[in-house]
Amino acid sequence: MTRADTTDLANEVRIACQRVSRRVRFESGGELAPHHVSALSTLKHGPKTPSELAEAERVSAPSMTKTVGCLVERGLVASADNPADGRSKLLSLTEAGWAELEAVRRARDDWMARKLEGLSQEERNLLKKATGLLNRVLER
């Protein structure tokens, strides 16, 4: 495979992944904006300070402050004093936050499952192999 072939393949894979990601986020329903779901998903791995969350989400601190404020107001995220730094807060998912995250996951999986209906077993097997390969590529 030439460098040009590899570049063409990279472009096709990237665009297909972007389309899947965008469609699953916007077409699977739900009341939360995609960036809110992303912040909740990051917090499922454990409490974070607002700065850590902003860094993990690759957004500015003021943008994350607005996102966190909305999530706290909706009762999805709890904000508590940080025992390691009195000037900072620790953010964590509430029970409602966990439930909302699970509802979003279920809705997105259901949306994707509907898209996969009608594929042959051979096509499903090919997608399973491609998924494994994509995950391997991303682990590099």
C-alpha atoms as a PDB file:
ATOM      1  CA  MET A   1       0.000   0.000   0.000  1.00  0.00           C
ATOM      2  CA  THR A   2       1.439   3.368  -0.996  1.00  0.00           C
ATOM      3  CA  ARG A   3       1.579   6.415   1.266  1.00  0.00           C
ATOM      4  CA  ALA A   4      -1.246   7.957  -0.809  1.00  0.00           C
ATOM      5  CA  ASP A   5      -3.361   4.795  -0.343  1.00  0.00           C
ATOM      6  CA  THR A   6      -2.747   4.902   3.410  1.00  0.00           C
ATOM      7  CA  THR A   7      -3.685   8.584   3.523  1.00  0.00           C
ATOM      8  CA  ASP A   8      -6.886   7.903   1.557  1.00  0.00           C
ATOM      9  CA  LEU A   9      -7.794   5.051   3.904  1.00  0.00           C
ATOM     10  CA  ALA A  10      -7.051   7.217   6.938  1.00  0.00           C
ATOM     11  CA  ASN A  11      -9.394   9.873   5.581  1.00  0.00           C
ATOM     12  CA  GLU A  12     -12.196   7.380   4.914  1.00  0.00           C
ATOM     13  CA  VAL A  13     -11.894   5.758   8.354  1.00  0.00           C
ATOM     14  CA  ARG A  14     -11.758   9.133  10.111  1.00  0.00           C
ATOM     15  CA  ILE A  15     -14.834  10.458   8.295  1.00  0.00           C
ATOM     16  CA  ALA A  16     -16.832   7.266   8.910  1.00  0.00           C
ATOM     17  CA  CYS A  17     -15.955   7.338  12.625  1.00  0.00           C
ATOM     18  CA  GLN A  18     -16.892  11.014  12.873  1.00  0.00           C
ATOM     19  CA  ARG A  19     -20.247  10.380  11.190  1.00  0.00           C
ATOM     20  CA  VAL A  20     -21.055   7.485  13.494  1.00  0.00           C
ATOM     21  CA  SER A  21     -20.040   9.488  16.558  1.00  0.00           C
ATOM     22  CA  ARG A  22     -22.022  12.561  15.558  1.00  0.00           C
ATOM     23  CA  ARG A  23     -25.151  10.630  14.619  1.00  0.00           C
ATOM     24  CA  VAL A  24     -25.180   8.456  17.727  1.00  0.00           C
ATOM     25  CA  ARG A  25     -24.820  11.567  19.917  1.00  0.00           C
ATOM     26  CA  PHE A  26     -27.505  13.648  18.223  1.00  0.00           C
ATOM     27  CA  GLU A  27     -29.996  11.098  16.933  1.00  0.00           C
ATOM     28  CA  SER A  28     -30.272   8.790  19.915  1.00  0.00           C
ATOM     29  CA  GLY A  29     -32.490  11.271  21.755  1.00  0.00           C
ATOM     30  CA  GLY A  30     -32.071  12.482  25.259  1.00  0.00           C
ATOM     31  CA  GLU A  31     -32.333  15.824  26.937  1.00  0.00           C
ATOM     32  CA  LEU A  32     -28.667  16.346  27.710  1.00  0.00           C
ATOM     33  CA  ALA A  33     -26.326  18.074  25.300  1.00  0.00           C
ATOM     34  CA  PRO A  34     -23.443  15.915  24.072  1.00  0.00           C
ATOM     35  CA  HIS A  35     -20.861  17.927  26.039  1.00  0.00           C
ATOM     36  CA  HIS A  36     -22.866  17.332  29.230  1.00  0.00           C
ATOM     37  CA  VAL A  37     -22.905  13.585  28.580  1.00  0.00           C
ATOM     38  CA  SER A  38     -19.172  13.686  27.914  1.00  0.00           C
ATOM     39  CA  ALA A  39     -18.501  15.408  31.252  1.00  0.00           C
ATOM     40  CA  LEU A  40     -20.673  12.861  33.070  1.00  0.00           C
ATOM     41  CA  SER A  41     -18.826  10.038  31.321  1.00  0.00           C
ATOM     42  CA  THR A  42     -15.503  11.426  32.499  1.00  0.00           C
ATOM     43  CA  LEU A  43     -16.772  11.634  36.080  1.00  0.00           C
ATOM     44  CA  LYS A  44     -17.851   7.990  36.059  1.00  0.00           C
ATOM     45  CA  HIS A  45     -14.160   7.155  36.544  1.00  0.00           C
ATOM     46  CA  GLY A  46     -14.092   9.006  39.853  1.00  0.00           C
ATOM     47  CA  PRO A  47     -14.218  12.486  41.366  1.00  0.00           C
ATOM     48  CA  LYS A  48     -12.322  15.285  39.661  1.00  0.00           C
ATOM     49  CA  THR A  49     -11.662  18.926  40.323  1.00  0.00           C
ATOM     50  CA  PRO A  50     -13.168  21.349  37.805  1.00  0.00           C
ATOM     51  CA  SER A  51      -9.673  21.936  36.394  1.00  0.00           C
ATOM     52  CA  GLU A  52      -9.052  18.214  35.961  1.00  0.00           C
ATOM     53  CA  LEU A  53     -12.422  17.819  34.278  1.00  0.00           C
ATOM     54  CA  ALA A  54     -11.746  20.737  31.925  1.00  0.00           C
ATOM     55  CA  GLU A  55      -8.371  19.255  31.033  1.00  0.00           C
ATOM     56  CA  ALA A  56      -9.820  15.781  30.466  1.00  0.00           C
ATOM     57  CA  GLU A  57     -12.555  17.242  28.252  1.00  0.00           C
ATOM     58  CA  ARG A  58     -10.088  19.568  26.500  1.00  0.00           C
ATOM     59  CA  VAL A  59     -12.128  22.701  27.118  1.00  0.00           C
ATOM     60  CA  SER A  60     -11.414  25.985  28.858  1.00  0.00           C
ATOM     61  CA  ALA A  61     -12.009  26.381  32.568  1.00  0.00           C
ATOM     62  CA  PRO A  62     -14.781  28.992  32.032  1.00  0.00           C
ATOM     63  CA  SER A  63     -16.559  26.657  29.618  1.00  0.00           C
ATOM     64  CA  MET A  64     -16.350  23.780  32.093  1.00  0.00           C
ATOM     65  CA  THR A  65     -17.593  26.032  34.910  1.00  0.00           C
ATOM     66  CA  LYS A  66     -20.741  26.675  32.875  1.00  0.00           C
ATOM     67  CA  THR A  67     -21.181  22.962  32.090  1.00  0.00           C
ATOM     68  CA  VAL A  68     -20.643  21.927  35.714  1.00  0.00           C
ATOM     69  CA  GLY A  69     -23.071  24.591  36.928  1.00  0.00           C
ATOM     70  CA  CYS A  70     -25.774  23.174  34.685  1.00  0.00           C
ATOM     71  CA  LEU A  71     -25.072  19.591  35.774  1.00  0.00           C
ATOM     72  CA  VAL A  72     -25.060  20.533  39.472  1.00  0.00           C
ATOM     73  CA  GLU A  73     -28.298  22.500  39.014  1.00  0.00           C
ATOM     74  CA  ARG A  74     -29.924  19.432  37.440  1.00  0.00           C
ATOM     75  CA  GLY A  75     -28.769  17.259  40.342  1.00  0.00           C
ATOM     76  CA  LEU A  76     -26.527  15.086  38.159  1.00  0.00           C
ATOM     77  CA  VAL A  77     -23.219  16.178  39.699  1.00  0.00           C
ATOM     78  CA  ALA A  78     -22.339  16.910  43.321  1.00  0.00           C
ATOM     79  CA  SER A  79     -19.779  19.539  44.232  1.00  0.00           C
ATOM     80  CA  ALA A  80     -17.987  19.123  47.563  1.00  0.00           C
ATOM     81  CA  ASP A  81     -15.012  20.754  49.249  1.00  0.00           C
ATOM     82  CA  ASN A  82     -11.730  19.201  48.190  1.00  0.00           C
ATOM     83  CA  PRO A  83     -10.055  17.791  51.331  1.00  0.00           C
ATOM     84  CA  ALA A  84      -6.654  18.044  49.620  1.00  0.00           C
ATOM     85  CA  ASP A  85      -7.092  21.712  48.619  1.00  0.00           C
ATOM     86  CA  GLY A  86      -9.505  24.023  50.426  1.00  0.00           C
ATOM     87  CA  ARG A  87      -9.547  26.410  47.453  1.00  0.00           C
ATOM     88  CA  SER A  88     -10.954  23.750  45.136  1.00  0.00           C
ATOM     89  CA  LYS A  89     -14.025  21.569  44.765  1.00  0.00           C
ATOM     90  CA  LEU A  90     -14.373  17.891  43.958  1.00  0.00           C
ATOM     91  CA  LEU A  91     -17.026  16.920  41.447  1.00  0.00           C
ATOM     92  CA  SER A  92     -18.700  13.516  41.412  1.00  0.00           C
ATOM     93  CA  LEU A  93     -21.729  11.839  39.900  1.00  0.00           C
ATOM     94  CA  THR A  94     -24.885  11.693  41.949  1.00  0.00           C
ATOM     95  CA  GLU A  95     -27.265   8.724  41.807  1.00  0.00           C
ATOM     96  CA  ALA A  96     -29.311  10.734  39.318  1.00  0.00           C
ATOM     97  CA  GLY A  97     -26.142  11.339  37.290  1.00  0.00           C
ATOM     98  CA  TRP A  98     -25.376   7.621  37.182  1.00  0.00           C
ATOM     99  CA  ALA A  99     -28.971   6.887  36.150  1.00  0.00           C
ATOM    100  CA  GLU A 100     -28.886   9.532  33.398  1.00  0.00           C
ATOM    101  CA  LEU A 101     -25.596   8.208  32.083  1.00  0.00           C
ATOM    102  CA  GLU A 102     -27.033   4.680  31.964  1.00  0.00           C
ATOM    103  CA  ALA A 103     -30.163   5.939  30.176  1.00  0.00           C
ATOM    104  CA  VAL A 104     -28.015   7.705  27.570  1.00  0.00           C
ATOM    105  CA  ARG A 105     -25.882   4.587  27.073  1.00  0.00           C
ATOM    106  CA  ARG A 106     -28.973   2.446  26.637  1.00  0.00           C
ATOM    107  CA  ALA A 107     -30.544   4.900  24.150  1.00  0.00           C
ATOM    108  CA  ARG A 108     -27.344   5.115  22.121  1.00  0.00           C
ATOM    109  CA  ASP A 109     -26.908   1.346  22.075  1.00  0.00           C
ATOM    110  CA  ASP A 110     -30.552   0.912  21.035  1.00  0.00           C
ATOM    111  CA  TRP A 111     -30.104   3.461  18.232  1.00  0.00           C
ATOM    112  CA  MET A 112     -26.997   1.683  16.969  1.00  0.00           C
ATOM    113  CA  ALA A 113     -28.636  -1.749  17.251  1.00  0.00           C
ATOM    114  CA  ARG A 114     -31.487  -0.524  15.030  1.00  0.00           C
ATOM    115  CA  LYS A 115     -28.921   0.625  12.450  1.00  0.00           C
ATOM    116  CA  LEU A 116     -27.322  -2.833  12.473  1.00  0.00           C
ATOM    117  CA  GLU A 117     -30.615  -4.662  11.917  1.00  0.00           C
ATOM    118  CA  GLY A 118     -30.819  -6.292   8.527  1.00  0.00           C
ATOM    119  CA  LEU A 119     -27.089  -6.853   8.184  1.00  0.00           C
ATOM    120  CA  SER A 120     -26.079 -10.356   7.253  1.00  0.00           C
ATOM    121  CA  GLN A 121     -24.115 -12.470   9.710  1.00  0.00           C
ATOM    122  CA  GLU A 122     -21.091 -12.053   7.454  1.00  0.00           C
ATOM    123  CA  GLU A 123     -21.430  -8.262   7.609  1.00  0.00           C
ATOM    124  CA  ARG A 124     -21.844  -8.376  11.395  1.00  0.00           C
ATOM    125  CA  ASN A 125     -18.721 -10.526  11.707  1.00  0.00           C
ATOM    126  CA  LEU A 126     -16.827  -8.073   9.514  1.00  0.00           C
ATOM    127  CA  LEU A 127     -17.934  -5.146  11.692  1.00  0.00           C
ATOM    128  CA  LYS A 128     -16.866  -7.042  14.818  1.00  0.00           C
ATOM    129  CA  LYS A 129     -13.404  -7.606  13.331  1.00  0.00           C
ATOM    130  CA  ALA A 130     -13.190  -3.977  12.162  1.00  0.00           C
ATOM    131  CA  THR A 131     -14.150  -2.753  15.637  1.00  0.00           C
ATOM    132  CA  GLY A 132     -11.377  -4.813  17.190  1.00  0.00           C
ATOM    133  CA  LEU A 133      -8.921  -3.515  14.618  1.00  0.00           C
ATOM    134  CA  LEU A 134      -9.955   0.117  15.182  1.00  0.00           C
ATOM    135  CA  ASN A 135      -9.544  -0.294  18.931  1.00  0.00           C
ATOM    136  CA  ARG A 136      -6.093  -1.777  18.391  1.00  0.00           C
ATOM    137  CA  VAL A 137      -5.114   1.125  16.130  1.00  0.00           C
ATOM    138  CA  LEU A 138      -6.311   3.637  18.734  1.00  0.00           C
ATOM    139  CA  GLU A 139      -4.294   1.953  21.497  1.00  0.00           C
ATOM    140  CA  ARG A 140      -1.032   2.758  19.737  1.00  0.00           C
END
